[in-house]
Amino acid sequence: MIDQLEASLAFHQQALSLRQERQKVLASNIANADTPGYKARDMDFSQALEAATKGANQPGLALARTSSHHLSGHGQAMSLGGSELKYRVPEQASLDGNTVDMDRERAAFTDNSVRYQAALTILNSRIQGLKQAMQPEQ
């Protein structure tokens, strides 16, 4: 039963983790807007989510068990490596080599924040539905 609950929430967990990582990247871009030579980076969220969900069926991290009665403890080895991050192509080149476009970064940051909040709301309603399904009838 626990495995079924975990499987039903795994997609949302991965989506939230990727949104969080993207938020960090976008915040880094905004923080370095005045750094000469800084190259703005971003990730293709849909591609990263697809890769993360395909990897969900493959064993990731496994815990050592000292007893056959212990749970298996499989986890997902999820990290956002530099290979998944891509450099942004600037609309207009700056003299100092910085490729951060603040309007674009703010828009992407806000969009990602709204989508993160929406994912949290969906996950919360899903958990509430599961809790109601587990409640005994009166």
N, C-alpha and C. Protein backbone atom coordinates (compact mmCIF):
# COMPACT_ATOMS: atom_id res chain seq x y z
N MET A 1 0.82 -1.19 0.00
CA MET A 1 0.00 0.00 0.00
C MET A 1 0.87 1.26 0.00
N ILE A 2 1.95 1.23 0.78
CA ILE A 2 2.85 2.37 0.83
C ILE A 2 3.48 2.62 -0.53
N ASP A 3 3.82 1.54 -1.24
CA ASP A 3 4.42 1.68 -2.56
C ASP A 3 3.46 2.36 -3.53
N GLN A 4 2.18 2.04 -3.43
CA GLN A 4 1.19 2.66 -4.31
C GLN A 4 1.04 4.15 -3.99
N LEU A 5 1.07 4.50 -2.72
CA LEU A 5 0.99 5.91 -2.34
C LEU A 5 2.22 6.67 -2.83
N GLU A 6 3.37 6.04 -2.66
CA GLU A 6 4.61 6.67 -3.12
C GLU A 6 4.60 6.86 -4.63
N ALA A 7 4.14 5.86 -5.35
CA ALA A 7 4.10 5.95 -6.81
C ALA A 7 3.13 7.03 -7.27
N SER A 8 2.03 7.20 -6.56
CA SER A 8 1.04 8.20 -6.98
C SER A 8 1.54 9.62 -6.74
N LEU A 9 2.47 9.79 -5.84
CA LEU A 9 2.98 11.13 -5.54
C LEU A 9 4.37 11.39 -6.11
N ALA A 10 4.99 10.39 -6.74
CA ALA A 10 6.36 10.53 -7.23
C ALA A 10 6.49 11.60 -8.31
N PHE A 11 5.53 11.66 -9.22
CA PHE A 11 5.59 12.65 -10.29
C PHE A 11 5.59 14.07 -9.71
N HIS A 12 4.70 14.30 -8.76
CA HIS A 12 4.60 15.64 -8.15
C HIS A 12 5.88 15.99 -7.40
N GLN A 13 6.46 15.00 -6.73
CA GLN A 13 7.71 15.23 -6.01
C GLN A 13 8.82 15.64 -6.97
N GLN A 14 8.92 14.95 -8.08
CA GLN A 14 9.96 15.27 -9.06
C GLN A 14 9.73 16.63 -9.69
N ALA A 15 8.47 16.94 -9.99
CA ALA A 15 8.16 18.24 -10.60
C ALA A 15 8.51 19.37 -9.64
N LEU A 16 8.18 19.22 -8.36
CA LEU A 16 8.51 20.25 -7.38
C LEU A 16 10.01 20.39 -7.21
N SER A 17 10.73 19.28 -7.19
CA SER A 17 12.19 19.35 -7.06
C SER A 17 12.82 20.07 -8.24
N LEU A 18 12.34 19.79 -9.43
CA LEU A 18 12.88 20.45 -10.62
C LEU A 18 12.52 21.93 -10.63
N ARG A 19 11.31 22.27 -10.21
CA ARG A 19 10.92 23.69 -10.13
C ARG A 19 11.81 24.42 -9.13
N GLN A 20 12.10 23.77 -8.02
CA GLN A 20 12.98 24.38 -7.02
C GLN A 20 14.38 24.62 -7.59
N GLU A 21 14.91 23.63 -8.30
CA GLU A 21 16.24 23.78 -8.90
C GLU A 21 16.25 24.89 -9.95
N ARG A 22 15.17 24.97 -10.73
CA ARG A 22 15.09 26.03 -11.75
C ARG A 22 15.02 27.39 -11.08
N GLN A 23 14.32 27.48 -9.97
CA GLN A 23 14.23 28.74 -9.24
C GLN A 23 15.61 29.19 -8.77
N LYS A 24 16.42 28.25 -8.32
CA LYS A 24 17.78 28.58 -7.89
C LYS A 24 18.60 29.12 -9.06
N VAL A 25 18.48 28.49 -10.22
CA VAL A 25 19.22 28.93 -11.39
C VAL A 25 18.79 30.33 -11.81
N LEU A 26 17.48 30.57 -11.84
CA LEU A 26 16.98 31.89 -12.23
C LEU A 26 17.39 32.95 -11.21
N ALA A 27 17.36 32.61 -9.93
CA ALA A 27 17.79 33.56 -8.89
C ALA A 27 19.28 33.87 -9.05
N SER A 28 20.06 32.88 -9.42
CA SER A 28 21.49 33.11 -9.65
C SER A 28 21.70 34.05 -10.83
N ASN A 29 20.90 33.88 -11.86
CA ASN A 29 20.99 34.79 -13.01
C ASN A 29 20.68 36.22 -12.59
N ILE A 30 19.63 36.40 -11.82
CA ILE A 30 19.23 37.74 -11.38
C ILE A 30 20.31 38.34 -10.47
N ALA A 31 20.85 37.52 -9.58
CA ALA A 31 21.88 38.01 -8.66
C ALA A 31 23.15 38.44 -9.39
N ASN A 32 23.42 37.84 -10.53
CA ASN A 32 24.64 38.14 -11.28
C ASN A 32 24.38 39.05 -12.48
N ALA A 33 23.32 39.81 -12.43
CA ALA A 33 22.96 40.68 -13.56
C ALA A 33 24.03 41.72 -13.84
N ASP A 34 24.78 42.13 -12.84
CA ASP A 34 25.81 43.16 -13.02
C ASP A 34 27.22 42.59 -13.04
N THR A 35 27.36 41.27 -13.06
CA THR A 35 28.67 40.64 -13.07
C THR A 35 29.20 40.59 -14.50
N PRO A 36 30.32 41.24 -14.77
CA PRO A 36 30.87 41.21 -16.14
C PRO A 36 31.23 39.79 -16.55
N GLY A 37 30.82 39.43 -17.77
CA GLY A 37 31.15 38.13 -18.32
C GLY A 37 30.26 36.98 -17.86
N TYR A 38 29.28 37.26 -17.00
CA TYR A 38 28.39 36.19 -16.52
C TYR A 38 27.46 35.75 -17.64
N LYS A 39 27.33 34.46 -17.81
CA LYS A 39 26.46 33.89 -18.84
C LYS A 39 25.20 33.34 -18.18
N ALA A 40 24.06 33.87 -18.57
CA ALA A 40 22.78 33.43 -18.01
C ALA A 40 22.51 31.99 -18.42
N ARG A 41 21.94 31.22 -17.48
CA ARG A 41 21.66 29.81 -17.73
C ARG A 41 20.21 29.52 -17.39
N ASP A 42 19.71 28.47 -17.97
CA ASP A 42 18.35 28.01 -17.68
C ASP A 42 18.27 26.54 -18.06
N MET A 43 17.16 25.93 -17.73
CA MET A 43 16.97 24.52 -18.06
C MET A 43 15.68 24.37 -18.84
N ASP A 44 15.62 23.36 -19.68
CA ASP A 44 14.39 23.01 -20.38
C ASP A 44 13.60 22.14 -19.41
N PHE A 45 12.59 22.75 -18.77
CA PHE A 45 11.88 22.06 -17.70
C PHE A 45 11.19 20.80 -18.19
N SER A 46 10.51 20.87 -19.32
CA SER A 46 9.78 19.69 -19.80
C SER A 46 10.73 18.54 -20.13
N GLN A 47 11.89 18.85 -20.69
CA GLN A 47 12.87 17.82 -21.00
C GLN A 47 13.44 17.22 -19.71
N ALA A 48 13.72 18.07 -18.73
CA ALA A 48 14.26 17.58 -17.46
C ALA A 48 13.24 16.73 -16.71
N LEU A 49 11.95 17.13 -16.77
CA LEU A 49 10.91 16.36 -16.10
C LEU A 49 10.71 15.01 -16.78
N GLU A 50 10.78 15.01 -18.09
CA GLU A 50 10.66 13.75 -18.83
C GLU A 50 11.80 12.80 -18.47
N ALA A 51 13.01 13.34 -18.40
CA ALA A 51 14.16 12.51 -18.04
C ALA A 51 14.03 12.00 -16.60
N ALA A 52 13.51 12.84 -15.71
CA ALA A 52 13.36 12.43 -14.31
C ALA A 52 12.28 11.36 -14.15
N THR A 53 11.20 11.48 -14.90
CA THR A 53 10.13 10.48 -14.77
C THR A 53 10.51 9.17 -15.44
N LYS A 54 11.30 9.23 -16.50
CA LYS A 54 11.78 7.98 -17.11
C LYS A 54 12.73 7.26 -16.18
N GLY A 55 13.52 8.03 -15.43
CA GLY A 55 14.46 7.44 -14.49
C GLY A 55 13.79 6.94 -13.22
N ALA A 56 12.49 7.23 -13.05
CA ALA A 56 11.79 6.81 -11.84
C ALA A 56 11.63 5.30 -11.76
N ASN A 57 11.62 4.62 -12.90
CA ASN A 57 11.46 3.18 -12.90
C ASN A 57 12.77 2.44 -12.70
N GLN A 58 13.86 3.17 -12.80
CA GLN A 58 15.17 2.55 -12.63
C GLN A 58 15.60 2.70 -11.17
N PRO A 59 16.25 1.70 -10.63
CA PRO A 59 16.68 1.83 -9.25
C PRO A 59 17.72 2.94 -9.10
N GLY A 60 17.54 3.75 -8.08
CA GLY A 60 18.47 4.84 -7.84
C GLY A 60 19.36 4.50 -6.67
N LEU A 61 19.06 5.04 -5.54
CA LEU A 61 19.84 4.79 -4.34
C LEU A 61 19.20 3.63 -3.58
N ALA A 62 20.02 2.76 -3.06
CA ALA A 62 19.51 1.64 -2.27
C ALA A 62 20.19 1.65 -0.92
N LEU A 63 19.41 1.42 0.11
CA LEU A 63 19.95 1.36 1.46
C LEU A 63 20.34 -0.07 1.79
N ALA A 64 21.36 -0.21 2.60
CA ALA A 64 21.77 -1.53 3.05
C ALA A 64 20.80 -1.99 4.13
N ARG A 65 20.37 -3.24 4.04
CA ARG A 65 19.44 -3.79 5.03
C ARG A 65 20.18 -4.81 5.89
N THR A 66 19.95 -4.72 7.17
CA THR A 66 20.57 -5.66 8.09
C THR A 66 19.62 -6.79 8.47
N SER A 67 18.37 -6.67 8.02
CA SER A 67 17.38 -7.70 8.30
C SER A 67 16.43 -7.79 7.11
N SER A 68 15.93 -8.98 6.85
CA SER A 68 14.98 -9.14 5.75
C SER A 68 13.64 -8.50 6.06
N HIS A 69 13.41 -8.10 7.30
CA HIS A 69 12.16 -7.45 7.69
C HIS A 69 12.18 -5.94 7.44
N HIS A 70 13.33 -5.39 7.12
CA HIS A 70 13.43 -3.96 6.84
C HIS A 70 12.83 -3.64 5.48
N LEU A 71 12.36 -2.41 5.33
CA LEU A 71 11.87 -1.96 4.03
C LEU A 71 13.05 -1.85 3.07
N SER A 72 12.75 -1.95 1.79
CA SER A 72 13.83 -1.97 0.79
C SER A 72 14.57 -0.64 0.73
N GLY A 73 13.89 0.47 0.89
CA GLY A 73 14.55 1.77 0.96
C GLY A 73 15.15 2.25 -0.34
N HIS A 74 14.47 2.03 -1.46
CA HIS A 74 14.97 2.54 -2.74
C HIS A 74 14.62 4.01 -2.85
N GLY A 75 15.57 4.80 -3.33
CA GLY A 75 15.36 6.22 -3.54
C GLY A 75 15.79 6.59 -4.94
N GLN A 76 15.46 7.80 -5.31
CA GLN A 76 15.82 8.26 -6.64
C GLN A 76 17.09 9.09 -6.56
N ALA A 77 18.04 8.78 -7.40
CA ALA A 77 19.25 9.57 -7.49
C ALA A 77 18.96 10.72 -8.45
N MET A 78 18.59 11.87 -7.90
CA MET A 78 18.18 12.97 -8.75
C MET A 78 19.07 14.17 -8.49
N SER A 79 19.71 14.61 -9.53
CA SER A 79 20.50 15.81 -9.41
C SER A 79 20.41 16.57 -10.71
N LEU A 80 20.56 17.84 -10.60
CA LEU A 80 20.51 18.68 -11.78
C LEU A 80 21.94 19.02 -12.13
N GLY A 81 22.52 18.20 -12.96
CA GLY A 81 23.92 18.41 -13.32
C GLY A 81 24.08 19.54 -14.31
N GLY A 82 25.29 19.97 -14.50
CA GLY A 82 25.57 21.05 -15.43
C GLY A 82 25.21 20.70 -16.87
N SER A 83 25.11 19.42 -17.18
CA SER A 83 24.78 19.04 -18.55
C SER A 83 23.34 19.38 -18.89
N GLU A 84 22.47 19.49 -17.89
CA GLU A 84 21.07 19.81 -18.15
C GLU A 84 20.84 21.31 -18.25
N LEU A 85 21.78 22.09 -17.76
CA LEU A 85 21.65 23.54 -17.84
C LEU A 85 22.16 24.02 -19.19
N LYS A 86 21.46 24.97 -19.74
CA LYS A 86 21.84 25.51 -21.04
C LYS A 86 22.08 27.01 -20.91
N TYR A 87 22.95 27.52 -21.74
CA TYR A 87 23.21 28.95 -21.75
C TYR A 87 22.11 29.66 -22.53
N ARG A 88 21.73 30.82 -22.04
CA ARG A 88 20.72 31.62 -22.74
C ARG A 88 21.38 32.40 -23.86
N VAL A 89 20.68 32.51 -24.96
CA VAL A 89 21.16 33.34 -26.07
C VAL A 89 20.58 34.73 -25.84
N PRO A 90 21.44 35.74 -25.70
CA PRO A 90 20.93 37.08 -25.38
C PRO A 90 20.24 37.72 -26.59
N GLU A 91 19.22 38.53 -26.30
CA GLU A 91 18.54 39.30 -27.35
C GLU A 91 19.46 40.39 -27.87
N GLN A 92 20.17 40.99 -26.93
CA GLN A 92 21.08 42.07 -27.29
C GLN A 92 22.35 41.90 -26.47
N ALA A 93 23.47 41.88 -27.13
CA ALA A 93 24.75 41.68 -26.44
C ALA A 93 25.11 42.91 -25.62
N SER A 94 25.70 42.68 -24.46
CA SER A 94 26.16 43.79 -23.63
C SER A 94 27.66 43.96 -23.82
N LEU A 95 28.15 45.13 -23.49
CA LEU A 95 29.57 45.43 -23.68
C LEU A 95 30.47 44.62 -22.75
N ASP A 96 29.96 44.29 -21.55
CA ASP A 96 30.79 43.58 -20.59
C ASP A 96 30.70 42.05 -20.72
N GLY A 97 29.92 41.54 -21.70
CA GLY A 97 29.82 40.11 -21.91
C GLY A 97 28.77 39.42 -21.07
N ASN A 98 28.03 40.16 -20.27
CA ASN A 98 26.96 39.60 -19.44
C ASN A 98 25.75 39.34 -20.33
N THR A 99 25.14 38.15 -20.21
CA THR A 99 23.99 37.80 -21.05
C THR A 99 22.67 37.80 -20.30
N VAL A 100 22.64 38.37 -19.10
CA VAL A 100 21.41 38.39 -18.31
C VAL A 100 20.50 39.51 -18.81
N ASP A 101 19.29 39.14 -19.22
CA ASP A 101 18.25 40.10 -19.59
C ASP A 101 17.26 40.12 -18.42
N MET A 102 17.27 41.20 -17.66
CA MET A 102 16.48 41.25 -16.42
C MET A 102 14.99 41.08 -16.67
N ASP A 103 14.47 41.62 -17.76
CA ASP A 103 13.05 41.44 -18.04
C ASP A 103 12.71 39.97 -18.28
N ARG A 104 13.54 39.31 -19.03
CA ARG A 104 13.34 37.89 -19.31
C ARG A 104 13.49 37.06 -18.04
N GLU A 105 14.48 37.39 -17.22
CA GLU A 105 14.72 36.64 -15.98
C GLU A 105 13.57 36.82 -14.99
N ARG A 106 13.10 38.06 -14.85
CA ARG A 106 11.97 38.31 -13.94
C ARG A 106 10.73 37.57 -14.40
N ALA A 107 10.47 37.60 -15.70
CA ALA A 107 9.30 36.90 -16.23
C ALA A 107 9.41 35.39 -16.01
N ALA A 108 10.58 34.83 -16.26
CA ALA A 108 10.78 33.39 -16.06
C ALA A 108 10.69 33.04 -14.57
N PHE A 109 11.24 33.90 -13.72
CA PHE A 109 11.20 33.67 -12.27
C PHE A 109 9.75 33.68 -11.77
N THR A 110 8.99 34.67 -12.22
CA THR A 110 7.58 34.77 -11.81
C THR A 110 6.78 33.59 -12.33
N ASP A 111 6.98 33.23 -13.59
CA ASP A 111 6.27 32.10 -14.18
C ASP A 111 6.58 30.81 -13.42
N ASN A 112 7.85 30.59 -13.11
CA ASN A 112 8.24 29.40 -12.37
C ASN A 112 7.64 29.40 -10.97
N SER A 113 7.59 30.57 -10.33
CA SER A 113 7.00 30.67 -8.98
C SER A 113 5.52 30.31 -8.99
N VAL A 114 4.81 30.83 -9.99
CA VAL A 114 3.38 30.55 -10.09
C VAL A 114 3.15 29.07 -10.36
N ARG A 115 3.95 28.49 -11.21
CA ARG A 115 3.82 27.06 -11.51
C ARG A 115 4.19 26.20 -10.30
N TYR A 116 5.16 26.64 -9.50
CA TYR A 116 5.52 25.93 -8.28
C TYR A 116 4.35 25.95 -7.30
N GLN A 117 3.74 27.12 -7.14
CA GLN A 117 2.58 27.23 -6.24
C GLN A 117 1.41 26.38 -6.74
N ALA A 118 1.20 26.36 -8.06
CA ALA A 118 0.13 25.54 -8.61
C ALA A 118 0.40 24.06 -8.36
N ALA A 119 1.64 23.64 -8.53
CA ALA A 119 2.00 22.24 -8.27
C ALA A 119 1.79 21.88 -6.80
N LEU A 120 2.11 22.82 -5.91
CA LEU A 120 1.87 22.59 -4.48
C LEU A 120 0.38 22.46 -4.19
N THR A 121 -0.42 23.29 -4.81
CA THR A 121 -1.88 23.25 -4.61
C THR A 121 -2.44 21.92 -5.11
N ILE A 122 -1.99 21.49 -6.28
CA ILE A 122 -2.45 20.20 -6.83
C ILE A 122 -2.02 19.05 -5.93
N LEU A 123 -0.78 19.08 -5.47
CA LEU A 123 -0.29 18.03 -4.59
C LEU A 123 -1.06 18.02 -3.28
N ASN A 124 -1.33 19.18 -2.73
CA ASN A 124 -2.10 19.27 -1.49
C ASN A 124 -3.51 18.70 -1.66
N SER A 125 -4.16 19.03 -2.77
CA SER A 125 -5.51 18.49 -2.99
C SER A 125 -5.46 16.98 -3.20
N ARG A 126 -4.42 16.50 -3.83
CA ARG A 126 -4.27 15.05 -4.02
C ARG A 126 -4.09 14.34 -2.68
N ILE A 127 -3.26 14.92 -1.81
CA ILE A 127 -3.05 14.34 -0.49
C ILE A 127 -4.35 14.38 0.32
N GLN A 128 -5.06 15.49 0.24
CA GLN A 128 -6.34 15.59 0.96
C GLN A 128 -7.32 14.52 0.46
N GLY A 129 -7.35 14.30 -0.86
CA GLY A 129 -8.22 13.26 -1.42
C GLY A 129 -7.84 11.87 -0.94
N LEU A 130 -6.54 11.61 -0.87
CA LEU A 130 -6.07 10.32 -0.36
C LEU A 130 -6.42 10.15 1.11
N LYS A 131 -6.29 11.23 1.89
CA LYS A 131 -6.64 11.16 3.31
C LYS A 131 -8.12 10.88 3.49
N GLN A 132 -8.95 11.52 2.68
CA GLN A 132 -10.40 11.30 2.77
C GLN A 132 -10.75 9.87 2.37
N ALA A 133 -10.05 9.34 1.39
CA ALA A 133 -10.31 7.97 0.96
C ALA A 133 -9.94 6.95 2.03
N MET A 134 -8.98 7.30 2.88
CA MET A 134 -8.54 6.39 3.93
C MET A 134 -9.39 6.49 5.20
N GLN A 135 -10.20 7.53 5.31
CA GLN A 135 -11.02 7.72 6.51
C GLN A 135 -12.15 6.68 6.52
N PRO A 136 -12.43 6.13 7.68
CA PRO A 136 -13.56 5.17 7.74
C PRO A 136 -14.89 5.92 7.59
N GLU A 137 -15.86 5.23 7.01
CA GLU A 137 -17.18 5.82 6.85
C GLU A 137 -17.87 5.87 8.20
N GLN A 138 -18.71 6.89 8.34
CA GLN A 138 -19.43 7.04 9.63
C GLN A 138 -20.90 6.83 9.46
